Amino acid sequence: AHPYSAWASPAGQRLLGTLTRHVEEVG
């Protein structure tokens, strides 16, 4: 279950991970 989150479900965490990778590519 890592990373642990008080708000996002596992599906929500996966979408956040996708968004984070996109942020790193676009400025």
PDB file of all heavy atoms in Angstrom:
ATOM      1  N   ALA A   1       0.798  -1.234   0.000  1.00  0.00           N
ATOM      2  CA  ALA A   1       0.000   0.000   0.000  1.00  0.00           C
ATOM      3  C   ALA A   1       0.824   1.274   0.000  1.00  0.00           C
ATOM      4  O   ALA A   1       0.263   2.362   0.099  1.00  0.00           O
ATOM      5  CB  ALA A   1      -0.936   0.009   1.220  1.00  0.00           C
ATOM      6  N   HIS A   2       2.136   1.205  -0.084  1.00  0.00           N
ATOM      7  CA  HIS A   2       2.952   2.422  -0.081  1.00  0.00           C
ATOM      8  C   HIS A   2       2.910   3.085  -1.458  1.00  0.00           C
ATOM      9  O   HIS A   2       2.916   2.382  -2.459  1.00  0.00           O
ATOM     10  CB  HIS A   2       4.391   2.063   0.286  1.00  0.00           C
ATOM     11  CG  HIS A   2       5.231   3.250   0.641  1.00  0.00           C
ATOM     12  ND1 HIS A   2       5.990   3.920  -0.278  1.00  0.00           N
ATOM     13  CD2 HIS A   2       5.417   3.885   1.819  1.00  0.00           C
ATOM     14  CE1 HIS A   2       6.617   4.909   0.305  1.00  0.00           C
ATOM     15  NE2 HIS A   2       6.291   4.919   1.587  1.00  0.00           N
ATOM     16  N   PRO A   3       2.842   4.413  -1.594  1.00  0.00           N
ATOM     17  CA  PRO A   3       2.854   5.403  -0.523  1.00  0.00           C
ATOM     18  C   PRO A   3       1.497   5.528   0.156  1.00  0.00           C
ATOM     19  O   PRO A   3       0.467   5.349  -0.483  1.00  0.00           O
ATOM     20  CB  PRO A   3       3.207   6.704  -1.259  1.00  0.00           C
ATOM     21  CG  PRO A   3       2.665   6.486  -2.640  1.00  0.00           C
ATOM     22  CD  PRO A   3       2.844   5.023  -2.935  1.00  0.00           C
ATOM     23  N   TYR A   4       1.522   5.834   1.446  1.00  0.00           N
ATOM     24  CA  TYR A   4       0.291   5.948   2.220  1.00  0.00           C
ATOM     25  C   TYR A   4      -0.338   7.321   1.985  1.00  0.00           C
ATOM     26  O   TYR A   4       0.352   8.311   1.813  1.00  0.00           O
ATOM     27  CB  TYR A   4       0.586   5.757   3.712  1.00  0.00           C
ATOM     28  CG  TYR A   4       1.513   4.611   4.000  1.00  0.00           C
ATOM     29  CD1 TYR A   4       2.686   4.811   4.721  1.00  0.00           C
ATOM     30  CD2 TYR A   4       1.231   3.329   3.540  1.00  0.00           C
ATOM     31  CE1 TYR A   4       3.551   3.762   4.984  1.00  0.00           C
ATOM     32  CE2 TYR A   4       2.083   2.273   3.799  1.00  0.00           C
ATOM     33  CZ  TYR A   4       3.250   2.493   4.518  1.00  0.00           C
ATOM     34  OH  TYR A   4       4.102   1.456   4.766  1.00  0.00           O
ATOM     35  N   SER A   5      -1.644   7.374   1.971  1.00  0.00           N
ATOM     36  CA  SER A   5      -2.346   8.631   1.742  1.00  0.00           C
ATOM     37  C   SER A   5      -3.584   8.693   2.616  1.00  0.00           C
ATOM     38  O   SER A   5      -4.285   7.698   2.784  1.00  0.00           O
ATOM     39  CB  SER A   5      -2.760   8.759   0.264  1.00  0.00           C
ATOM     40  OG  SER A   5      -3.567   9.898   0.073  1.00  0.00           O
ATOM     41  N   ALA A   6      -3.831   9.882   3.174  1.00  0.00           N
ATOM     42  CA  ALA A   6      -5.025  10.080   3.982  1.00  0.00           C
ATOM     43  C   ALA A   6      -6.227  10.464   3.131  1.00  0.00           C
ATOM     44  O   ALA A   6      -7.345  10.512   3.639  1.00  0.00           O
ATOM     45  CB  ALA A   6      -4.761  11.166   5.033  1.00  0.00           C
ATOM     46  N   TRP A   7      -6.009  10.726   1.830  1.00  0.00           N
ATOM     47  CA  TRP A   7      -7.096  11.244   0.993  1.00  0.00           C
ATOM     48  C   TRP A   7      -7.330  10.423  -0.262  1.00  0.00           C
ATOM     49  O   TRP A   7      -8.475  10.199  -0.645  1.00  0.00           O
ATOM     50  CB  TRP A   7      -6.801  12.705   0.602  1.00  0.00           C
ATOM     51  CG  TRP A   7      -6.591  13.583   1.774  1.00  0.00           C
ATOM     52  CD1 TRP A   7      -5.403  14.012   2.292  1.00  0.00           C
ATOM     53  CD2 TRP A   7      -7.606  14.135   2.630  1.00  0.00           C
ATOM     54  NE1 TRP A   7      -5.608  14.792   3.401  1.00  0.00           N
ATOM     55  CE2 TRP A   7      -6.955  14.882   3.629  1.00  0.00           C
ATOM     56  CE3 TRP A   7      -8.999  14.058   2.642  1.00  0.00           C
ATOM     57  CZ2 TRP A   7      -7.646  15.549   4.637  1.00  0.00           C
ATOM     58  CZ3 TRP A   7      -9.697  14.731   3.635  1.00  0.00           C
ATOM     59  CH2 TRP A   7      -9.022  15.465   4.613  1.00  0.00           C
ATOM     60  N   ALA A   8      -6.282   9.986  -0.918  1.00  0.00           N
ATOM     61  CA  ALA A   8      -6.420   9.306  -2.207  1.00  0.00           C
ATOM     62  C   ALA A   8      -6.506   7.795  -2.030  1.00  0.00           C
ATOM     63  O   ALA A   8      -5.786   7.209  -1.221  1.00  0.00           O
ATOM     64  CB  ALA A   8      -5.254   9.657  -3.115  1.00  0.00           C
ATOM     65  N   SER A   9      -7.382   7.169  -2.806  1.00  0.00           N
ATOM     66  CA  SER A   9      -7.428   5.712  -2.877  1.00  0.00           C
ATOM     67  C   SER A   9      -6.232   5.249  -3.722  1.00  0.00           C
ATOM     68  O   SER A   9      -5.538   6.069  -4.339  1.00  0.00           O
ATOM     69  CB  SER A   9      -8.731   5.271  -3.537  1.00  0.00           C
ATOM     70  OG  SER A   9      -8.729   5.609  -4.915  1.00  0.00           O
ATOM     71  N   PRO A  10      -5.949   3.952  -3.786  1.00  0.00           N
ATOM     72  CA  PRO A  10      -4.862   3.498  -4.655  1.00  0.00           C
ATOM     73  C   PRO A  10      -5.012   3.961  -6.100  1.00  0.00           C
ATOM     74  O   PRO A  10      -4.025   4.340  -6.741  1.00  0.00           O
ATOM     75  CB  PRO A  10      -4.944   1.970  -4.534  1.00  0.00           C
ATOM     76  CG  PRO A  10      -5.488   1.740  -3.154  1.00  0.00           C
ATOM     77  CD  PRO A  10      -6.470   2.852  -2.944  1.00  0.00           C
ATOM     78  N   ALA A  11      -6.261   3.950  -6.618  1.00  0.00           N
ATOM     79  CA  ALA A  11      -6.477   4.430  -7.986  1.00  0.00           C
ATOM     80  C   ALA A  11      -6.156   5.918  -8.091  1.00  0.00           C
ATOM     81  O   ALA A  11      -5.569   6.386  -9.068  1.00  0.00           O
ATOM     82  CB  ALA A  11      -7.914   4.167  -8.415  1.00  0.00           C
ATOM     83  N   GLY A  12      -6.549   6.683  -7.070  1.00  0.00           N
ATOM     84  CA  GLY A  12      -6.238   8.106  -7.061  1.00  0.00           C
ATOM     85  C   GLY A  12      -4.750   8.362  -6.984  1.00  0.00           C
ATOM     86  O   GLY A  12      -4.233   9.279  -7.629  1.00  0.00           O
ATOM     87  N   GLN A  13      -4.025   7.548  -6.211  1.00  0.00           N
ATOM     88  CA  GLN A  13      -2.581   7.699  -6.116  1.00  0.00           C
ATOM     89  C   GLN A  13      -1.903   7.418  -7.452  1.00  0.00           C
ATOM     90  O   GLN A  13      -0.918   8.073  -7.811  1.00  0.00           O
ATOM     91  CB  GLN A  13      -2.039   6.766  -5.037  1.00  0.00           C
ATOM     92  CG  GLN A  13      -2.463   7.161  -3.624  1.00  0.00           C
ATOM     93  CD  GLN A  13      -1.857   6.246  -2.581  1.00  0.00           C
ATOM     94  OE1 GLN A  13      -0.663   6.043  -2.524  1.00  0.00           O
ATOM     95  NE2 GLN A  13      -2.704   5.668  -1.752  1.00  0.00           N
ATOM     96  N   ARG A  14      -2.432   6.440  -8.181  1.00  0.00           N
ATOM     97  CA  ARG A  14      -1.836   6.139  -9.493  1.00  0.00           C
ATOM     98  C   ARG A  14      -2.022   7.307 -10.456  1.00  0.00           C
ATOM     99  O   ARG A  14      -1.105   7.653 -11.217  1.00  0.00           O
ATOM    100  CB  ARG A  14      -2.452   4.858 -10.066  1.00  0.00           C
ATOM    101  CG  ARG A  14      -1.970   3.592  -9.382  1.00  0.00           C
ATOM    102  CD  ARG A  14      -2.346   2.370 -10.186  1.00  0.00           C
ATOM    103  NE  ARG A  14      -3.784   2.153 -10.208  1.00  0.00           N
ATOM    104  CZ  ARG A  14      -4.442   1.465  -9.291  1.00  0.00           C
ATOM    105  NH1 ARG A  14      -3.794   0.918  -8.268  1.00  0.00           N
ATOM    106  NH2 ARG A  14      -5.753   1.292  -9.378  1.00  0.00           N
ATOM    107  N   LEU A  15      -3.205   7.928 -10.419  1.00  0.00           N
ATOM    108  CA  LEU A  15      -3.429   9.082 -11.287  1.00  0.00           C
ATOM    109  C   LEU A  15      -2.538  10.249 -10.880  1.00  0.00           C
ATOM    110  O   LEU A  15      -2.037  10.988 -11.735  1.00  0.00           O
ATOM    111  CB  LEU A  15      -4.897   9.500 -11.233  1.00  0.00           C
ATOM    112  CG  LEU A  15      -5.885   8.621 -12.003  1.00  0.00           C
ATOM    113  CD1 LEU A  15      -7.296   9.133 -11.833  1.00  0.00           C
ATOM    114  CD2 LEU A  15      -5.521   8.582 -13.480  1.00  0.00           C
ATOM    115  N   LEU A  16      -2.328  10.422  -9.569  1.00  0.00           N
ATOM    116  CA  LEU A  16      -1.424  11.470  -9.107  1.00  0.00           C
ATOM    117  C   LEU A  16      -0.004  11.218  -9.599  1.00  0.00           C
ATOM    118  O   LEU A  16       0.718  12.150  -9.965  1.00  0.00           O
ATOM    119  CB  LEU A  16      -1.444  11.543  -7.579  1.00  0.00           C
ATOM    120  CG  LEU A  16      -2.629  12.274  -6.935  1.00  0.00           C
ATOM    121  CD1 LEU A  16      -2.559  12.137  -5.423  1.00  0.00           C
ATOM    122  CD2 LEU A  16      -2.659  13.729  -7.345  1.00  0.00           C
ATOM    123  N   GLY A  17       0.393   9.947  -9.604  1.00  0.00           N
ATOM    124  CA  GLY A  17       1.719   9.612 -10.116  1.00  0.00           C
ATOM    125  C   GLY A  17       1.868   9.961 -11.575  1.00  0.00           C
ATOM    126  O   GLY A  17       2.910  10.490 -12.012  1.00  0.00           O
ATOM    127  N   THR A  18       0.817   9.715 -12.356  1.00  0.00           N
ATOM    128  CA  THR A  18       0.844  10.080 -13.775  1.00  0.00           C
ATOM    129  C   THR A  18       0.942  11.590 -13.950  1.00  0.00           C
ATOM    130  O   THR A  18       1.703  12.087 -14.789  1.00  0.00           O
ATOM    131  CB  THR A  18      -0.420   9.559 -14.473  1.00  0.00           C
ATOM    132  OG1 THR A  18      -0.502   8.140 -14.315  1.00  0.00           O
ATOM    133  CG2 THR A  18      -0.408   9.905 -15.950  1.00  0.00           C
ATOM    134  N   LEU A  19       0.178  12.326 -13.135  1.00  0.00           N
ATOM    135  CA  LEU A  19       0.214  13.785 -13.203  1.00  0.00           C
ATOM    136  C   LEU A  19       1.594  14.311 -12.821  1.00  0.00           C
ATOM    137  O   LEU A  19       2.118  15.229 -13.451  1.00  0.00           O
ATOM    138  CB  LEU A  19      -0.847  14.379 -12.275  1.00  0.00           C
ATOM    139  CG  LEU A  19      -0.917  15.910 -12.206  1.00  0.00           C
ATOM    140  CD1 LEU A  19      -1.320  16.482 -13.544  1.00  0.00           C
ATOM    141  CD2 LEU A  19      -1.893  16.346 -11.120  1.00  0.00           C
ATOM    142  N   THR A  20       2.204  13.727 -11.795  1.00  0.00           N
ATOM    143  CA  THR A  20       3.527  14.168 -11.352  1.00  0.00           C
ATOM    144  C   THR A  20       4.569  13.968 -12.438  1.00  0.00           C
ATOM    145  O   THR A  20       5.413  14.836 -12.679  1.00  0.00           O
ATOM    146  CB  THR A  20       3.937  13.399 -10.086  1.00  0.00           C
ATOM    147  OG1 THR A  20       2.956  13.620  -9.062  1.00  0.00           O
ATOM    148  CG2 THR A  20       5.297  13.872  -9.590  1.00  0.00           C
ATOM    149  N   ARG A  21       4.512  12.830 -13.124  1.00  0.00           N
ATOM    150  CA  ARG A  21       5.474  12.592 -14.203  1.00  0.00           C
ATOM    151  C   ARG A  21       5.280  13.591 -15.333  1.00  0.00           C
ATOM    152  O   ARG A  21       6.247  14.054 -15.949  1.00  0.00           O
ATOM    153  CB  ARG A  21       5.324  11.161 -14.720  1.00  0.00           C
ATOM    154  CG  ARG A  21       5.844  10.116 -13.745  1.00  0.00           C
ATOM    155  CD  ARG A  21       5.917   8.755 -14.404  1.00  0.00           C
ATOM    156  NE  ARG A  21       4.599   8.250 -14.766  1.00  0.00           N
ATOM    157  CZ  ARG A  21       3.838   7.541 -13.947  1.00  0.00           C
ATOM    158  NH1 ARG A  21       4.255   7.254 -12.719  1.00  0.00           N
ATOM    159  NH2 ARG A  21       2.653   7.095 -14.342  1.00  0.00           N
ATOM    160  N   HIS A  22       4.017  13.952 -15.609  1.00  0.00           N
ATOM    161  CA  HIS A  22       3.746  14.938 -16.660  1.00  0.00           C
ATOM    162  C   HIS A  22       4.281  16.309 -16.257  1.00  0.00           C
ATOM    163  O   HIS A  22       4.818  17.047 -17.092  1.00  0.00           O
ATOM    164  CB  HIS A  22       2.242  15.018 -16.915  1.00  0.00           C
ATOM    165  CG  HIS A  22       1.866  16.041 -17.946  1.00  0.00           C
ATOM    166  ND1 HIS A  22       2.141  15.898 -19.286  1.00  0.00           N
ATOM    167  CD2 HIS A  22       1.244  17.251 -17.818  1.00  0.00           C
ATOM    168  CE1 HIS A  22       1.700  16.948 -19.950  1.00  0.00           C
ATOM    169  NE2 HIS A  22       1.156  17.793 -19.084  1.00  0.00           N
ATOM    170  N   VAL A  23       4.141  16.655 -14.972  1.00  0.00           N
ATOM    171  CA  VAL A  23       4.626  17.944 -14.487  1.00  0.00           C
ATOM    172  C   VAL A  23       6.132  18.052 -14.672  1.00  0.00           C
ATOM    173  O   VAL A  23       6.666  19.110 -15.011  1.00  0.00           O
ATOM    174  CB  VAL A  23       4.248  18.124 -12.998  1.00  0.00           C
ATOM    175  CG1 VAL A  23       5.017  19.280 -12.383  1.00  0.00           C
ATOM    176  CG2 VAL A  23       2.751  18.357 -12.870  1.00  0.00           C
ATOM    177  N   GLU A  24       6.835  16.948 -14.454  1.00  0.00           N
ATOM    178  CA  GLU A  24       8.288  16.960 -14.579  1.00  0.00           C
ATOM    179  C   GLU A  24       8.735  17.153 -16.021  1.00  0.00           C
ATOM    180  O   GLU A  24       9.852  17.593 -16.280  1.00  0.00           O
ATOM    181  CB  GLU A  24       8.861  15.657 -14.023  1.00  0.00           C
ATOM    182  CG  GLU A  24       8.650  15.504 -12.516  1.00  0.00           C
ATOM    183  CD  GLU A  24       9.080  14.148 -12.014  1.00  0.00           C
ATOM    184  OE1 GLU A  24       9.357  13.270 -12.866  1.00  0.00           O
ATOM    185  OE2 GLU A  24       9.127  13.948 -10.785  1.00  0.00           O
ATOM    186  N   GLU A  25       7.855  16.841 -16.971  1.00  0.00           N
ATOM    187  CA  GLU A  25       8.216  16.938 -18.382  1.00  0.00           C
ATOM    188  C   GLU A  25       7.835  18.280 -18.993  1.00  0.00           C
ATOM    189  O   GLU A  25       8.386  18.668 -20.025  1.00  0.00           O
ATOM    190  CB  GLU A  25       7.521  15.810 -19.166  1.00  0.00           C
ATOM    191  CG  GLU A  25       7.964  14.406 -18.730  1.00  0.00           C
ATOM    192  CD  GLU A  25       7.110  13.330 -19.366  1.00  0.00           C
ATOM    193  OE1 GLU A  25       6.172  13.690 -20.100  1.00  0.00           O
ATOM    194  OE2 GLU A  25       7.375  12.135 -19.131  1.00  0.00           O
ATOM    195  N   VAL A  26       6.870  18.967 -18.398  1.00  0.00           N
ATOM    196  CA  VAL A  26       6.357  20.222 -18.967  1.00  0.00           C
ATOM    197  C   VAL A  26       6.672  21.358 -18.001  1.00  0.00           C
ATOM    198  O   VAL A  26       6.581  21.206 -16.795  1.00  0.00           O
ATOM    199  CB  VAL A  26       4.834  20.124 -19.210  1.00  0.00           C
ATOM    200  CG1 VAL A  26       4.319  21.410 -19.838  1.00  0.00           C
ATOM    201  CG2 VAL A  26       4.520  18.930 -20.102  1.00  0.00           C
ATOM    202  N   GLY A  27       6.995  22.524 -18.541  1.00  0.00           N
ATOM    203  CA  GLY A  27       7.369  23.634 -17.677  1.00  0.00           C
ATOM    204  C   GLY A  27       6.462  24.840 -17.782  1.00  0.00           C
ATOM    205  O   GLY A  27       6.907  25.954 -17.527  1.00  0.00           O
TER     206      GLY A  27
END
